[in-house]
């Protein structure tokens, strides 16, 4: 979260998600973390893997899903999206980060998938 706060402090609110994504990936990499951006998330249906266009914004160390937003307010749909990505990827921990806030601490939501 320190990296997200650092990015938000430097850039402020009002930019596109893609700007925050690139800057956050850079910050995380500076701290020695492996970051993959826009990771394809296929859907498994009827024992068939289908690439239907879903993408995880960031996957950190192949263990943590990070979804970035730049919206007026986080909605239940945003949390549902992150939970779905956690279920599809069989991962437990995710963070929903909304950079369109005055203070980044108010834009962080930790989500745990209980499977």
N, C-alpha and C. Protein backbone atom coordinates (compact mmCIF):
# COMPACT_ATOMS: atom_id res chain seq x y z
N UNK A 1 0.81 -1.18 0.00
CA UNK A 1 0.00 0.00 0.00
C UNK A 1 0.86 1.25 0.00
N UNK A 2 2.06 1.12 0.54
CA UNK A 2 2.98 2.24 0.53
C UNK A 2 3.24 2.71 -0.89
N UNK A 3 3.38 1.77 -1.81
CA UNK A 3 3.64 2.13 -3.21
C UNK A 3 2.44 2.87 -3.81
N UNK A 4 1.23 2.42 -3.51
CA UNK A 4 0.03 3.09 -4.02
C UNK A 4 -0.07 4.50 -3.46
N UNK A 5 0.24 4.65 -2.19
CA UNK A 5 0.21 5.99 -1.57
C UNK A 5 1.25 6.89 -2.22
N UNK A 6 2.43 6.35 -2.48
CA UNK A 6 3.50 7.13 -3.12
C UNK A 6 3.06 7.61 -4.51
N UNK A 7 2.45 6.72 -5.29
CA UNK A 7 1.98 7.10 -6.63
C UNK A 7 0.89 8.16 -6.52
N UNK A 8 -0.06 7.95 -5.62
CA UNK A 8 -1.17 8.89 -5.48
C UNK A 8 -0.68 10.26 -5.02
N UNK A 9 0.28 10.27 -4.11
CA UNK A 9 0.83 11.54 -3.63
C UNK A 9 1.50 12.30 -4.77
N UNK A 10 2.21 11.58 -5.63
CA UNK A 10 2.92 12.23 -6.74
C UNK A 10 1.98 12.69 -7.85
N UNK A 11 0.95 11.90 -8.15
CA UNK A 11 0.09 12.20 -9.29
C UNK A 11 -1.23 12.86 -8.94
N UNK A 12 -1.75 12.57 -7.73
CA UNK A 12 -3.06 13.08 -7.36
C UNK A 12 -4.16 12.32 -8.07
N UNK A 13 -5.37 12.81 -7.91
CA UNK A 13 -6.54 12.19 -8.54
C UNK A 13 -6.77 12.79 -9.92
N UNK A 14 -7.59 12.11 -10.73
CA UNK A 14 -8.02 12.69 -11.99
C UNK A 14 -7.40 12.12 -13.25
N UNK A 15 -6.47 11.18 -13.12
CA UNK A 15 -5.86 10.58 -14.31
C UNK A 15 -6.59 9.29 -14.69
N UNK A 16 -6.24 8.75 -15.83
CA UNK A 16 -6.79 7.47 -16.26
C UNK A 16 -6.16 6.33 -15.47
N UNK A 17 -6.90 5.23 -15.36
CA UNK A 17 -6.39 4.05 -14.65
C UNK A 17 -5.05 3.60 -15.21
N UNK A 18 -4.88 3.68 -16.51
CA UNK A 18 -3.65 3.20 -17.15
C UNK A 18 -2.41 3.95 -16.64
N UNK A 19 -2.56 5.22 -16.33
CA UNK A 19 -1.42 5.99 -15.81
C UNK A 19 -1.04 5.48 -14.42
N UNK A 20 -2.03 5.27 -13.58
CA UNK A 20 -1.76 4.75 -12.24
C UNK A 20 -1.18 3.34 -12.31
N UNK A 21 -1.70 2.54 -13.23
CA UNK A 21 -1.22 1.17 -13.40
C UNK A 21 0.27 1.15 -13.74
N UNK A 22 0.69 1.93 -14.69
CA UNK A 22 2.10 1.95 -15.09
C UNK A 22 2.99 2.45 -13.96
N UNK A 23 2.56 3.50 -13.30
CA UNK A 23 3.37 4.06 -12.21
C UNK A 23 3.44 3.13 -11.01
N UNK A 24 2.32 2.48 -10.68
CA UNK A 24 2.31 1.55 -9.56
C UNK A 24 3.17 0.33 -9.87
N UNK A 25 3.10 -0.17 -11.09
CA UNK A 25 3.94 -1.31 -11.48
C UNK A 25 5.41 -0.94 -11.34
N UNK A 26 5.76 0.26 -11.73
CA UNK A 26 7.14 0.74 -11.61
C UNK A 26 7.57 0.77 -10.14
N UNK A 27 6.72 1.33 -9.28
CA UNK A 27 7.03 1.41 -7.85
C UNK A 27 7.19 0.02 -7.23
N UNK A 28 6.29 -0.88 -7.56
CA UNK A 28 6.36 -2.23 -7.01
C UNK A 28 7.63 -2.95 -7.46
N UNK A 29 7.98 -2.78 -8.73
CA UNK A 29 9.20 -3.40 -9.26
C UNK A 29 10.44 -2.83 -8.57
N UNK A 30 10.44 -1.53 -8.27
CA UNK A 30 11.56 -0.93 -7.54
C UNK A 30 11.75 -1.58 -6.17
N UNK A 31 10.68 -2.12 -5.62
CA UNK A 31 10.75 -2.78 -4.31
C UNK A 31 11.00 -4.29 -4.45
N UNK A 32 11.38 -4.72 -5.64
CA UNK A 32 11.76 -6.11 -5.85
C UNK A 32 10.60 -7.08 -6.07
N UNK A 33 9.42 -6.56 -6.33
CA UNK A 33 8.27 -7.43 -6.56
C UNK A 33 8.10 -7.69 -8.06
N UNK A 34 7.65 -8.89 -8.39
CA UNK A 34 7.37 -9.22 -9.78
C UNK A 34 5.95 -8.75 -10.10
N UNK A 35 5.82 -7.97 -11.14
CA UNK A 35 4.52 -7.39 -11.51
C UNK A 35 4.22 -7.72 -12.96
N UNK A 36 3.04 -8.30 -13.17
CA UNK A 36 2.55 -8.50 -14.54
C UNK A 36 1.28 -7.68 -14.70
N UNK A 37 1.20 -6.96 -15.81
CA UNK A 37 0.05 -6.09 -16.07
C UNK A 37 -0.84 -6.71 -17.14
N UNK A 38 -2.13 -6.44 -17.03
CA UNK A 38 -3.13 -6.87 -18.01
C UNK A 38 -3.01 -8.37 -18.31
N UNK A 39 -3.06 -9.15 -17.25
CA UNK A 39 -2.92 -10.61 -17.34
C UNK A 39 -4.24 -11.21 -17.82
N UNK A 40 -4.22 -11.97 -18.91
CA UNK A 40 -5.46 -12.59 -19.40
C UNK A 40 -6.07 -13.50 -18.34
N UNK A 41 -7.38 -13.44 -18.19
CA UNK A 41 -8.09 -14.27 -17.22
C UNK A 41 -9.18 -15.05 -17.96
N UNK A 42 -8.83 -16.26 -18.39
CA UNK A 42 -9.83 -17.06 -19.12
C UNK A 42 -10.92 -17.56 -18.18
N UNK A 43 -12.03 -17.92 -18.76
CA UNK A 43 -13.15 -18.50 -18.04
C UNK A 43 -13.18 -19.99 -18.36
N UNK A 44 -13.28 -20.82 -17.33
CA UNK A 44 -13.40 -22.26 -17.53
C UNK A 44 -14.87 -22.61 -17.56
N UNK A 45 -15.32 -23.12 -18.69
CA UNK A 45 -16.72 -23.51 -18.85
C UNK A 45 -16.78 -24.85 -19.54
N UNK A 46 -17.49 -25.77 -18.95
CA UNK A 46 -17.68 -27.10 -19.53
C UNK A 46 -16.33 -27.75 -19.83
N UNK A 47 -15.41 -27.62 -18.86
CA UNK A 47 -14.04 -28.16 -18.99
C UNK A 47 -13.28 -27.60 -20.18
N UNK A 48 -13.67 -26.42 -20.63
CA UNK A 48 -13.00 -25.76 -21.74
C UNK A 48 -12.59 -24.36 -21.30
N UNK A 49 -11.33 -24.05 -21.52
CA UNK A 49 -10.82 -22.72 -21.17
C UNK A 49 -11.16 -21.76 -22.30
N UNK A 50 -11.86 -20.68 -21.95
CA UNK A 50 -12.30 -19.71 -22.96
C UNK A 50 -11.71 -18.35 -22.67
N UNK A 51 -11.02 -17.80 -23.66
CA UNK A 51 -10.50 -16.44 -23.54
C UNK A 51 -11.60 -15.50 -24.03
N UNK A 52 -12.23 -14.85 -23.06
CA UNK A 52 -13.36 -13.98 -23.39
C UNK A 52 -13.04 -12.51 -23.17
N UNK A 53 -11.75 -12.20 -23.02
CA UNK A 53 -11.34 -10.81 -22.96
C UNK A 53 -11.13 -10.24 -21.58
N UNK A 54 -11.34 -11.02 -20.52
CA UNK A 54 -11.09 -10.50 -19.19
C UNK A 54 -9.60 -10.35 -18.94
N UNK A 55 -9.22 -9.30 -18.23
CA UNK A 55 -7.82 -9.04 -17.91
C UNK A 55 -7.72 -8.57 -16.46
N UNK A 56 -6.79 -9.16 -15.73
CA UNK A 56 -6.47 -8.68 -14.39
C UNK A 56 -5.56 -7.48 -14.57
N UNK A 57 -5.85 -6.37 -13.92
CA UNK A 57 -5.01 -5.18 -14.07
C UNK A 57 -3.56 -5.49 -13.70
N UNK A 58 -3.36 -6.08 -12.52
CA UNK A 58 -2.00 -6.40 -12.08
C UNK A 58 -2.01 -7.68 -11.27
N UNK A 59 -0.97 -8.47 -11.47
CA UNK A 59 -0.74 -9.66 -10.67
C UNK A 59 0.65 -9.52 -10.07
N UNK A 60 0.71 -9.52 -8.74
CA UNK A 60 1.96 -9.27 -8.03
C UNK A 60 2.47 -10.59 -7.44
N UNK A 61 3.69 -10.92 -7.82
CA UNK A 61 4.34 -12.15 -7.35
C UNK A 61 3.49 -13.40 -7.59
N UNK A 62 2.66 -13.37 -8.62
CA UNK A 62 1.77 -14.49 -8.96
C UNK A 62 0.88 -14.91 -7.79
N UNK A 63 0.63 -13.98 -6.84
CA UNK A 63 -0.15 -14.32 -5.66
C UNK A 63 -1.23 -13.31 -5.31
N UNK A 64 -1.04 -12.06 -5.70
CA UNK A 64 -1.97 -11.00 -5.29
C UNK A 64 -2.53 -10.31 -6.53
N UNK A 65 -3.86 -10.27 -6.61
CA UNK A 65 -4.55 -9.59 -7.70
C UNK A 65 -4.80 -8.15 -7.28
N UNK A 66 -4.45 -7.21 -8.16
CA UNK A 66 -4.68 -5.80 -7.89
C UNK A 66 -5.54 -5.24 -9.02
N UNK A 67 -6.69 -4.72 -8.65
CA UNK A 67 -7.58 -4.07 -9.60
C UNK A 67 -7.57 -2.58 -9.32
N UNK A 68 -7.29 -1.80 -10.34
CA UNK A 68 -7.21 -0.35 -10.19
C UNK A 68 -8.45 0.31 -10.77
N UNK A 69 -8.88 1.34 -10.09
CA UNK A 69 -10.02 2.14 -10.53
C UNK A 69 -9.67 3.62 -10.37
N UNK A 70 -10.35 4.43 -11.15
CA UNK A 70 -10.28 5.89 -11.02
C UNK A 70 -11.72 6.39 -11.16
N UNK A 71 -12.51 6.07 -10.15
CA UNK A 71 -13.94 6.34 -10.18
C UNK A 71 -14.34 7.21 -9.00
N UNK A 72 -15.51 7.82 -9.11
CA UNK A 72 -15.99 8.68 -8.04
C UNK A 72 -16.19 7.90 -6.75
N UNK A 73 -16.69 6.67 -6.87
CA UNK A 73 -16.97 5.86 -5.69
C UNK A 73 -16.89 4.38 -6.08
N UNK A 74 -16.25 3.59 -5.23
CA UNK A 74 -16.24 2.15 -5.46
C UNK A 74 -17.65 1.61 -5.26
N UNK A 75 -18.04 0.72 -6.16
CA UNK A 75 -19.37 0.14 -6.12
C UNK A 75 -19.27 -1.35 -5.81
N UNK A 76 -20.36 -1.96 -5.36
CA UNK A 76 -20.34 -3.41 -5.13
C UNK A 76 -19.91 -4.21 -6.35
N UNK A 77 -20.21 -3.72 -7.54
CA UNK A 77 -19.81 -4.40 -8.77
C UNK A 77 -18.29 -4.50 -8.88
N UNK A 78 -17.56 -3.50 -8.42
CA UNK A 78 -16.09 -3.53 -8.46
C UNK A 78 -15.56 -4.64 -7.56
N UNK A 79 -16.14 -4.77 -6.37
CA UNK A 79 -15.74 -5.84 -5.46
C UNK A 79 -16.09 -7.20 -6.06
N UNK A 80 -17.26 -7.30 -6.66
CA UNK A 80 -17.67 -8.56 -7.30
C UNK A 80 -16.70 -8.95 -8.42
N UNK A 81 -16.25 -7.97 -9.18
CA UNK A 81 -15.29 -8.22 -10.26
C UNK A 81 -14.00 -8.80 -9.68
N UNK A 82 -13.49 -8.19 -8.62
CA UNK A 82 -12.26 -8.67 -8.01
C UNK A 82 -12.46 -10.07 -7.43
N UNK A 83 -13.57 -10.31 -6.77
CA UNK A 83 -13.85 -11.65 -6.23
C UNK A 83 -13.91 -12.70 -7.34
N UNK A 84 -14.49 -12.35 -8.47
CA UNK A 84 -14.55 -13.27 -9.60
C UNK A 84 -13.15 -13.57 -10.11
N UNK A 85 -12.31 -12.57 -10.23
CA UNK A 85 -10.93 -12.80 -10.67
C UNK A 85 -10.18 -13.69 -9.68
N UNK A 86 -10.42 -13.48 -8.40
CA UNK A 86 -9.77 -14.33 -7.39
C UNK A 86 -10.24 -15.78 -7.53
N UNK A 87 -11.53 -15.98 -7.73
CA UNK A 87 -12.06 -17.34 -7.89
C UNK A 87 -11.51 -17.99 -9.15
N UNK A 88 -11.53 -17.28 -10.27
CA UNK A 88 -11.05 -17.84 -11.53
C UNK A 88 -9.57 -18.18 -11.49
N UNK A 89 -8.80 -17.37 -10.77
CA UNK A 89 -7.35 -17.58 -10.69
C UNK A 89 -6.96 -18.50 -9.54
N UNK A 90 -7.95 -18.85 -8.69
CA UNK A 90 -7.70 -19.68 -7.51
C UNK A 90 -6.70 -19.03 -6.54
N UNK A 91 -6.76 -17.71 -6.48
CA UNK A 91 -5.93 -16.95 -5.54
C UNK A 91 -6.81 -16.43 -4.41
N UNK A 92 -6.19 -16.13 -3.28
CA UNK A 92 -6.95 -15.73 -2.10
C UNK A 92 -7.00 -14.23 -1.84
N UNK A 93 -5.96 -13.50 -2.22
CA UNK A 93 -5.85 -12.10 -1.80
C UNK A 93 -5.88 -11.14 -2.98
N UNK A 94 -6.67 -10.10 -2.81
CA UNK A 94 -6.72 -9.06 -3.83
C UNK A 94 -6.90 -7.69 -3.20
N UNK A 95 -6.51 -6.68 -3.94
CA UNK A 95 -6.71 -5.30 -3.50
C UNK A 95 -7.43 -4.54 -4.60
N UNK A 96 -8.41 -3.79 -4.19
CA UNK A 96 -9.14 -2.88 -5.06
C UNK A 96 -8.67 -1.48 -4.70
N UNK A 97 -8.04 -0.81 -5.65
CA UNK A 97 -7.46 0.51 -5.39
C UNK A 97 -8.16 1.56 -6.25
N UNK A 98 -8.76 2.53 -5.60
CA UNK A 98 -9.40 3.64 -6.29
C UNK A 98 -8.53 4.88 -6.12
N UNK A 99 -7.94 5.33 -7.21
CA UNK A 99 -7.04 6.49 -7.16
C UNK A 99 -7.77 7.82 -7.25
N UNK A 100 -9.07 7.80 -7.47
CA UNK A 100 -9.83 9.05 -7.59
C UNK A 100 -10.40 9.46 -6.23
N UNK A 101 -9.49 9.60 -5.26
CA UNK A 101 -9.85 9.99 -3.89
C UNK A 101 -8.88 11.07 -3.43
N UNK A 102 -9.29 11.79 -2.39
CA UNK A 102 -8.41 12.83 -1.86
C UNK A 102 -7.20 12.21 -1.15
N UNK A 103 -7.46 11.19 -0.35
CA UNK A 103 -6.39 10.49 0.38
C UNK A 103 -6.45 9.01 0.01
N UNK A 104 -5.33 8.46 -0.43
CA UNK A 104 -5.30 7.09 -0.91
C UNK A 104 -5.80 6.09 0.12
N UNK A 105 -5.56 6.34 1.39
CA UNK A 105 -6.01 5.39 2.43
C UNK A 105 -7.52 5.17 2.34
N UNK A 106 -8.26 6.13 1.77
CA UNK A 106 -9.71 5.99 1.61
C UNK A 106 -10.08 5.25 0.33
N UNK A 107 -9.09 4.93 -0.48
CA UNK A 107 -9.36 4.26 -1.76
C UNK A 107 -8.87 2.82 -1.81
N UNK A 108 -8.60 2.23 -0.65
CA UNK A 108 -8.05 0.89 -0.60
C UNK A 108 -9.06 -0.08 0.00
N UNK A 109 -9.30 -1.17 -0.71
CA UNK A 109 -10.17 -2.22 -0.18
C UNK A 109 -9.45 -3.55 -0.35
N UNK A 110 -9.24 -4.24 0.75
CA UNK A 110 -8.61 -5.57 0.76
C UNK A 110 -9.71 -6.61 0.66
N UNK A 111 -9.55 -7.56 -0.27
CA UNK A 111 -10.56 -8.58 -0.50
C UNK A 111 -9.92 -9.95 -0.39
N UNK A 112 -10.54 -10.83 0.39
CA UNK A 112 -10.02 -12.19 0.57
C UNK A 112 -11.07 -13.17 0.05
N UNK A 113 -10.62 -14.08 -0.79
CA UNK A 113 -11.49 -15.11 -1.34
C UNK A 113 -11.44 -16.33 -0.41
N UNK A 114 -12.58 -16.70 0.12
CA UNK A 114 -12.63 -17.84 1.02
C UNK A 114 -12.80 -19.16 0.32
N UNK A 115 -12.87 -19.13 -1.03
CA UNK A 115 -13.19 -20.28 -1.88
C UNK A 115 -14.41 -20.95 -1.30
